[in-house]
C-alpha atoms as a PDB file:
ATOM      1  CA  MET A   1       5.331  -7.903  -8.234  1.00  0.00           C
ATOM      2  CA  PRO A   2       4.338  -4.390  -7.071  1.00  0.00           C
ATOM      3  CA  LEU A   3       0.793  -3.341  -6.156  1.00  0.00           C
ATOM      4  CA  PHE A   4      -1.651  -6.169  -6.986  1.00  0.00           C
ATOM      5  CA  TYR A   5      -4.826  -4.169  -6.361  1.00  0.00           C
ATOM      6  CA  PHE A   6      -5.631  -0.581  -5.468  1.00  0.00           C
ATOM      7  CA  LYS A   7      -8.969   1.142  -4.974  1.00  0.00           C
ATOM      8  CA  ASN A   8      -9.599   4.771  -4.065  1.00  0.00           C
ATOM      9  CA  LEU A   9     -12.925   5.436  -2.331  1.00  0.00           C
ATOM     10  CA  GLY A  10     -12.874   9.141  -1.544  1.00  0.00           C
ATOM     11  CA  ASP A  11     -10.999   9.513   1.718  1.00  0.00           C
ATOM     12  CA  THR A  12     -10.440   5.746   1.937  1.00  0.00           C
ATOM     13  CA  ARG A  13      -7.818   3.671   0.116  1.00  0.00           C
ATOM     14  CA  ILE A  14      -7.496  -0.101  -0.200  1.00  0.00           C
ATOM     15  CA  GLY A  15      -4.353  -1.885  -1.371  1.00  0.00           C
ATOM     16  CA  ILE A  16      -3.287  -5.514  -1.853  1.00  0.00           C
ATOM     17  CA  TRP A  17       0.329  -6.573  -2.375  1.00  0.00           C
ATOM     18  CA  LYS A  18       1.381  -9.962  -3.740  1.00  0.00           C
ATOM     19  CA  THR A  19       4.557 -10.919  -1.905  1.00  0.00           C
ATOM     20  CA  ASP A  20       6.765 -12.240  -4.704  1.00  0.00           C
ATOM     21  CA  GLU A  21       9.813 -10.214  -3.679  1.00  0.00           C
ATOM     22  CA  SER A  22      12.507 -11.069  -1.149  1.00  0.00           C
ATOM     23  CA  VAL A  23      12.451  -9.398   2.257  1.00  0.00           C
ATOM     24  CA  GLU A  24      15.414  -7.272   1.196  1.00  0.00           C
ATOM     25  CA  GLU A  25      13.596  -6.054  -1.911  1.00  0.00           C
ATOM     26  CA  LEU A  26      10.475  -5.239   0.097  1.00  0.00           C
ATOM     27  CA  LEU A  27      12.461  -3.243   2.647  1.00  0.00           C
ATOM     28  CA  GLN A  28      14.067  -1.279  -0.173  1.00  0.00           C
ATOM     29  CA  ILE A  29      10.640  -0.434  -1.607  1.00  0.00           C
ATOM     30  CA  ALA A  30       9.452   0.564   1.880  1.00  0.00           C
ATOM     31  CA  HIS A  31      12.515   2.774   2.461  1.00  0.00           C
ATOM     32  CA  ILE A  32      13.183   1.195   5.862  1.00  0.00           C
ATOM     33  CA  GLY A  33      16.033  -0.766   7.425  1.00  0.00           C
ATOM     34  CA  LYS A  34      16.261  -4.355   8.635  1.00  0.00           C
ATOM     35  CA  GLU A  35      15.727  -3.323  12.267  1.00  0.00           C
ATOM     36  CA  ILE A  36      11.962  -3.376  11.598  1.00  0.00           C
ATOM     37  CA  LEU A  37      12.259  -7.192  11.421  1.00  0.00           C
ATOM     38  CA  ASN A  38      13.649  -7.560  14.946  1.00  0.00           C
ATOM     39  CA  VAL A  39      10.176  -8.229  16.345  1.00  0.00           C
ATOM     40  CA  SER A  40      10.191 -11.719  14.799  1.00  0.00           C
ATOM     41  CA  SER A  41      12.699 -14.365  13.729  1.00  0.00           C
ATOM     42  CA  ASN A  42      10.096 -16.210  11.641  1.00  0.00           C
ATOM     43  CA  PRO A  43      10.852 -15.745   7.896  1.00  0.00           C
ATOM     44  CA  LYS A  44       7.150 -15.800   6.973  1.00  0.00           C
ATOM     45  CA  ARG A  45       6.334 -13.140   9.550  1.00  0.00           C
ATOM     46  CA  GLN A  46       9.291 -11.035   8.431  1.00  0.00           C
ATOM     47  CA  THR A  47       8.022 -11.147   4.843  1.00  0.00           C
ATOM     48  CA  GLU A  48       4.572 -10.027   6.001  1.00  0.00           C
ATOM     49  CA  ILE A  49       6.037  -7.143   8.002  1.00  0.00           C
ATOM     50  CA  ALA A  50       8.183  -5.980   5.096  1.00  0.00           C
ATOM     51  CA  ALA A  51       5.332  -6.361   2.578  1.00  0.00           C
ATOM     52  CA  VAL A  52       2.922  -4.319   4.714  1.00  0.00           C
ATOM     53  CA  ARG A  53       5.494  -1.524   4.974  1.00  0.00           C
ATOM     54  CA  ALA A  54       6.129  -1.633   1.220  1.00  0.00           C
ATOM     55  CA  LEU A  55       2.406  -1.478   0.496  1.00  0.00           C
ATOM     56  CA  LEU A  56       1.891   1.338   2.985  1.00  0.00           C
ATOM     57  CA  TYR A  57       4.700   3.356   1.403  1.00  0.00           C
ATOM     58  CA  MET A  58       3.225   2.849  -2.073  1.00  0.00           C
ATOM     59  CA  MET A  59      -0.245   3.891  -0.882  1.00  0.00           C
ATOM     60  CA  CYS A  60       0.961   7.017   0.952  1.00  0.00           C
ATOM     61  CA  ASN A  61       4.016   7.892  -1.121  1.00  0.00           C
ATOM     62  CA  GLU A  62       5.847   8.553   2.137  1.00  0.00           C
ATOM     63  CA  LEU A  63       7.171   6.680   5.137  1.00  0.00           C
ATOM     64  CA  LYS A  64       4.571   5.938   7.824  1.00  0.00           C
ATOM     65  CA  GLU A  65       5.380   4.301  11.162  1.00  0.00           C
ATOM     66  CA  ILE A  66       3.010   1.620  12.471  1.00  0.00           C
ATOM     67  CA  SER A  67       2.466   0.926  16.169  1.00  0.00           C
ATOM     68  CA  TYR A  68       0.123  -1.473  17.951  1.00  0.00           C
ATOM     69  CA  LYS A  69      -2.299  -1.073  20.830  1.00  0.00           C
ATOM     70  CA  GLU A  70      -2.446  -3.565  23.699  1.00  0.00           C
ATOM     71  CA  ASN A  71      -5.282  -5.405  21.952  1.00  0.00           C
ATOM     72  CA  GLY A  72      -3.135  -5.807  18.814  1.00  0.00           C
ATOM     73  CA  LYS A  73      -4.936  -3.204  16.719  1.00  0.00           C
ATOM     74  CA  PRO A  74      -2.511  -1.278  14.468  1.00  0.00           C
ATOM     75  CA  TYR A  75      -2.391   2.493  14.244  1.00  0.00           C
ATOM     76  CA  LEU A  76      -0.214   5.092  12.540  1.00  0.00           C
ATOM     77  CA  LYS A  77       2.069   6.917  14.958  1.00  0.00           C
ATOM     78  CA  ASP A  78       1.344  10.269  13.322  1.00  0.00           C
ATOM     79  CA  GLU A  79      -2.420   9.572  13.661  1.00  0.00           C
ATOM     80  CA  SER A  80      -2.947  10.938  10.135  1.00  0.00           C
ATOM     81  CA  MET A  81      -5.259   8.068   9.126  1.00  0.00           C
ATOM     82  CA  ASN A  82      -7.057   5.045  10.501  1.00  0.00           C
ATOM     83  CA  ILE A  83      -5.560   1.744   9.363  1.00  0.00           C
ATOM     84  CA  SER A  84      -6.415  -1.942   9.286  1.00  0.00           C
ATOM     85  CA  ILE A  85      -4.074  -4.704   8.112  1.00  0.00           C
ATOM     86  CA  SER A  86      -4.497  -8.326   7.054  1.00  0.00           C
ATOM     87  CA  HIS A  87      -2.352 -11.022   5.491  1.00  0.00           C
ATOM     88  CA  THR A  88      -2.718 -14.489   4.060  1.00  0.00           C
ATOM     89  CA  LYS A  89      -0.332 -16.791   2.228  1.00  0.00           C
ATOM     90  CA  GLY A  90       1.288 -14.734  -0.541  1.00  0.00           C
ATOM     91  CA  TYR A  91      -0.668 -11.498   0.036  1.00  0.00           C
ATOM     92  CA  VAL A  92      -1.023  -8.585   2.429  1.00  0.00           C
ATOM     93  CA  ALA A  93      -3.870  -6.046   2.469  1.00  0.00           C
ATOM     94  CA  VAL A  94      -4.155  -2.563   3.954  1.00  0.00           C
ATOM     95  CA  ILE A  95      -7.067  -0.140   4.236  1.00  0.00           C
ATOM     96  CA  LEU A  96      -6.566   3.530   5.159  1.00  0.00           C
ATOM     97  CA  SER A  97      -9.093   6.264   5.887  1.00  0.00           C
ATOM     98  CA  ASN A  98      -8.743   9.904   6.870  1.00  0.00           C
ATOM     99  CA  THR A  99     -12.127  10.097   8.608  1.00  0.00           C
ATOM    100  CA  SER A 100     -13.694   6.634   9.010  1.00  0.00           C
ATOM    101  CA  SER A 101     -13.115   3.603  11.183  1.00  0.00           C
ATOM    102  CA  VAL A 102     -12.025   0.713   8.968  1.00  0.00           C
ATOM    103  CA  GLY A 103     -11.535  -3.047   9.033  1.00  0.00           C
ATOM    104  CA  ILE A 104     -10.105  -5.429   6.438  1.00  0.00           C
ATOM    105  CA  ASP A 105      -9.445  -9.151   6.056  1.00  0.00           C
ATOM    106  CA  ILE A 106      -7.934 -11.269   3.290  1.00  0.00           C
ATOM    107  CA  GLU A 107      -8.249 -15.071   3.166  1.00  0.00           C
ATOM    108  CA  LYS A 108      -6.678 -17.606   0.805  1.00  0.00           C
ATOM    109  CA  PHE A 109      -9.062 -20.258  -0.544  1.00  0.00           C
ATOM    110  CA  SER A 110      -8.943 -23.469   1.498  1.00  0.00           C
ATOM    111  CA  ASP A 111     -11.158 -26.515   2.070  1.00  0.00           C
ATOM    112  CA  THR A 112     -10.655 -26.067   5.817  1.00  0.00           C
ATOM    113  CA  VAL A 113     -13.448 -23.495   5.950  1.00  0.00           C
ATOM    114  CA  ILE A 114     -15.947 -26.208   4.929  1.00  0.00           C
ATOM    115  CA  ARG A 115     -14.832 -28.582   7.692  1.00  0.00           C
ATOM    116  CA  VAL A 116     -14.928 -25.978  10.472  1.00  0.00           C
ATOM    117  CA  LYS A 117     -18.058 -24.035   9.483  1.00  0.00           C
ATOM    118  CA  ASP A 118     -19.840 -25.077  12.695  1.00  0.00           C
ATOM    119  CA  LYS A 119     -17.236 -23.175  14.704  1.00  0.00           C
ATOM    120  CA  PHE A 120     -18.028 -19.769  13.229  1.00  0.00           C
ATOM    121  CA  LEU A 121     -21.543 -20.037  11.722  1.00  0.00           C
ATOM    122  CA  THR A 122     -24.875 -20.842  13.350  1.00  0.00           C
ATOM    123  CA  LEU A 123     -27.142 -23.383  11.650  1.00  0.00           C
ATOM    124  CA  GLU A 124     -29.291 -20.508  10.394  1.00  0.00           C
ATOM    125  CA  GLU A 125     -26.269 -18.769   8.894  1.00  0.00           C
ATOM    126  CA  GLN A 126     -25.195 -21.990   7.192  1.00  0.00           C
ATOM    127  CA  LYS A 127     -28.196 -21.645   4.907  1.00  0.00           C
ATOM    128  CA  VAL A 128     -25.821 -19.499   2.848  1.00  0.00           C
ATOM    129  CA  ILE A 129     -24.772 -22.864   1.368  1.00  0.00           C
ATOM    130  CA  GLU A 130     -28.312 -23.370   0.029  1.00  0.00           C
ATOM    131  CA  TYR A 131     -28.331 -19.857  -1.434  1.00  0.00           C
ATOM    132  CA  ASN A 132     -25.026 -20.447  -3.243  1.00  0.00           C
ATOM    133  CA  PRO A 133     -24.895 -24.183  -4.110  1.00  0.00           C
ATOM    134  CA  GLU A 134     -22.340 -23.694  -6.885  1.00  0.00           C
ATOM    135  CA  LYS A 135     -20.118 -21.401  -4.810  1.00  0.00           C
ATOM    136  CA  ILE A 136     -20.121 -23.029  -1.385  1.00  0.00           C
ATOM    137  CA  LYS A 137     -16.442 -22.473  -0.631  1.00  0.00           C
ATOM    138  CA  GLU A 138     -16.597 -18.833  -1.738  1.00  0.00           C
ATOM    139  CA  ALA A 139     -19.697 -18.181   0.386  1.00  0.00           C
ATOM    140  CA  LEU A 140     -18.197 -19.738   3.514  1.00  0.00           C
ATOM    141  CA  ILE A 141     -14.901 -17.903   3.155  1.00  0.00           C
ATOM    142  CA  ILE A 142     -16.772 -14.619   2.689  1.00  0.00           C
ATOM    143  CA  CYS A 143     -18.620 -15.361   5.953  1.00  0.00           C
ATOM    144  CA  TRP A 144     -15.429 -16.119   7.860  1.00  0.00           C
ATOM    145  CA  SER A 145     -13.607 -13.115   6.408  1.00  0.00           C
ATOM    146  CA  ALA A 146     -16.560 -10.793   7.060  1.00  0.00           C
ATOM    147  CA  LYS A 147     -16.632 -11.826  10.717  1.00  0.00           C
ATOM    148  CA  GLU A 148     -12.895 -11.192  10.979  1.00  0.00           C
ATOM    149  CA  THR A 149     -13.475  -7.713   9.547  1.00  0.00           C
ATOM    150  CA  MET A 150     -16.325  -7.116  12.013  1.00  0.00           C
ATOM    151  CA  PHE A 151     -14.121  -8.194  14.899  1.00  0.00           C
ATOM    152  CA  LYS A 152     -11.395  -5.756  13.849  1.00  0.00           C
ATOM    153  CA  ILE A 153     -13.671  -2.746  13.490  1.00  0.00           C
ATOM    154  CA  MET A 154     -15.563  -3.470  16.744  1.00  0.00           C
ATOM    155  CA  GLU A 155     -12.452  -3.513  18.966  1.00  0.00           C
ATOM    156  CA  GLU A 156     -14.243  -5.654  21.557  1.00  0.00           C
ATOM    157  CA  GLU A 157     -12.657  -8.431  23.612  1.00  0.00           C
ATOM    158  CA  GLU A 158     -13.914 -12.024  24.035  1.00  0.00           C
ATOM    159  CA  VAL A 159     -16.014 -12.020  20.876  1.00  0.00           C
ATOM    160  CA  ASP A 160     -17.536 -15.392  19.951  1.00  0.00           C
ATOM    161  CA  PHE A 161     -18.000 -15.639  16.190  1.00  0.00           C
ATOM    162  CA  CYS A 162     -21.149 -17.792  16.499  1.00  0.00           C
ATOM    163  CA  ASP A 163     -22.823 -16.122  19.470  1.00  0.00           C
ATOM    164  CA  HIS A 164     -21.929 -12.476  18.872  1.00  0.00           C
ATOM    165  CA  LEU A 165     -21.563 -12.005  15.101  1.00  0.00           C
ATOM    166  CA  ARG A 166     -24.367 -12.649  12.621  1.00  0.00           C
ATOM    167  CA  ILE A 167     -24.346 -12.775   8.814  1.00  0.00           C
ATOM    168  CA  TYR A 168     -27.578 -11.997   6.985  1.00  0.00           C
ATOM    169  CA  PRO A 169     -28.473 -14.219   3.981  1.00  0.00           C
ATOM    170  CA  PHE A 170     -26.784 -13.285   0.711  1.00  0.00           C
ATOM    171  CA  TYR A 171     -26.277 -14.478  -2.847  1.00  0.00           C
ATOM    172  CA  ILE A 172     -23.021 -14.277  -4.772  1.00  0.00           C
ATOM    173  CA  LYS A 173     -23.854 -12.566  -8.058  1.00  0.00           C
ATOM    174  CA  ASN A 174     -21.903 -10.444 -10.528  1.00  0.00           C
ATOM    175  CA  ASN A 175     -23.634  -7.221  -9.501  1.00  0.00           C
ATOM    176  CA  ILE A 176     -23.435  -7.797  -5.740  1.00  0.00           C
ATOM    177  CA  ASP A 177     -20.322  -7.026  -3.713  1.00  0.00           C
ATOM    178  CA  LYS A 178     -21.689  -6.450  -0.232  1.00  0.00           C
ATOM    179  CA  ILE A 179     -23.356  -8.280   2.638  1.00  0.00           C
ATOM    180  CA  PHE A 180     -24.957  -7.086   5.869  1.00  0.00           C
ATOM    181  CA  THR A 181     -24.010  -8.275   9.328  1.00  0.00           C
ATOM    182  CA  ARG A 182     -24.907  -7.521  12.923  1.00  0.00           C
ATOM    183  CA  GLU A 183     -23.133  -7.835  16.254  1.00  0.00           C
ATOM    184  CA  PHE A 184     -24.718  -9.016  19.497  1.00  0.00           C
ATOM    185  CA  LYS A 185     -21.743  -8.306  21.747  1.00  0.00           C
ATOM    186  CA  THR A 186     -22.667  -4.728  22.698  1.00  0.00           C
ATOM    187  CA  ILE A 187     -25.948  -3.206  23.853  1.00  0.00           C
ATOM    188  CA  GLN A 188     -26.117  -1.217  20.598  1.00  0.00           C
ATOM    189  CA  ASN A 189     -26.328  -4.373  18.430  1.00  0.00           C
ATOM    190  CA  LYS A 190     -24.701  -2.476  15.581  1.00  0.00           C
ATOM    191  CA  GLU A 191     -25.131  -3.417  11.936  1.00  0.00           C
ATOM    192  CA  PHE A 192     -22.251  -3.433   9.464  1.00  0.00           C
ATOM    193  CA  LYS A 193     -22.132  -3.331   5.691  1.00  0.00           C
ATOM    194  CA  ILE A 194     -19.240  -5.509   4.540  1.00  0.00           C
ATOM    195  CA  HIS A 195     -17.921  -5.296   0.983  1.00  0.00           C
ATOM    196  CA  PHE A 196     -16.198  -8.287  -0.572  1.00  0.00           C
ATOM    197  CA  LEU A 197     -13.917  -9.014  -3.512  1.00  0.00           C
ATOM    198  CA  ILE A 198     -13.439 -12.517  -4.936  1.00  0.00           C
ATOM    199  CA  GLU A 199     -10.194 -13.230  -6.797  1.00  0.00           C
ATOM    200  CA  ASN A 200      -8.839 -16.504  -8.222  1.00  0.00           C
ATOM    201  CA  ASP A 201      -7.152 -17.604  -5.003  1.00  0.00           C
ATOM    202  CA  PHE A 202      -8.397 -15.327  -2.233  1.00  0.00           C
ATOM    203  CA  VAL A 203     -11.338 -13.370  -0.827  1.00  0.00           C
ATOM    204  CA  LEU A 204     -11.072  -9.842   0.546  1.00  0.00           C
ATOM    205  CA  THR A 205     -13.630  -8.188   2.831  1.00  0.00           C
ATOM    206  CA  TYR A 206     -13.632  -4.656   4.211  1.00  0.00           C
ATOM    207  CA  CYS A 207     -15.821  -2.253   6.155  1.00  0.00           C
ATOM    208  CA  ILE A 208     -15.733   1.556   6.130  1.00  0.00           C
ATOM    209  CA  ASN A 209     -17.520   2.807   9.242  1.00  0.00           C
ATOM    210  CA  ASN A 210     -20.861   1.650   7.860  1.00  0.00           C
ATOM    211  CA  ILE A 211     -22.471   1.203  11.252  1.00  0.00           C
ATOM    212  CA  HIS A 212     -25.884   2.162  12.498  1.00  0.00           C
ATOM    213  CA  ILE A 213     -28.113   1.089  15.345  1.00  0.00           C
ATOM    214  CA  LEU A 214     -31.130  -0.965  14.343  1.00  0.00           C
ATOM    215  CA  THR A 215     -34.487  -0.135  15.882  1.00  0.00           C
ATOM    216  CA  LEU A 216     -36.607  -3.223  16.510  1.00  0.00           C
END
């Protein structure tokens, strides 16, 4: 199918693509040749690459070339916008902004997040389970995804998700689509506002340069 989700937030755009098409169909939508796939021989990775390019073309209505920094962070070669990319089984997500730093993450629902919660959440953070007893899996996946988004927008190396990234308590309610987080990796201890979207089989989180330094 074409665009699964699109949201325009002023100078920022968010898109999600459900990868039902073949690689060939995606490349045709993206207006690019097969040479873009030479970076990987893995069929799954090739589908992700082609889907991201198709989504990017649909969001910009023109061809944009993606490059990667040494730390793996993507950027547009023409430097016209900031970009962040994520993918999970069956979906890719892209966020673009003309003026703001951005981060995005998409995660398919899985029971694994329950088994490994100790690896990315402190005991204090795990109280999110008590706050959302009927939506435990959703709450934990939001936490994991939010920390992935934080990591992307911070651009710091050797970040420990338990020691350096903190999720403030939150409830999942119909009128709430954001949580607040804080990093302890830098001397600024910056705070981030992370928005989330819950769909039937995935969670999306994103951040749009919502960073300020807390005074204690």
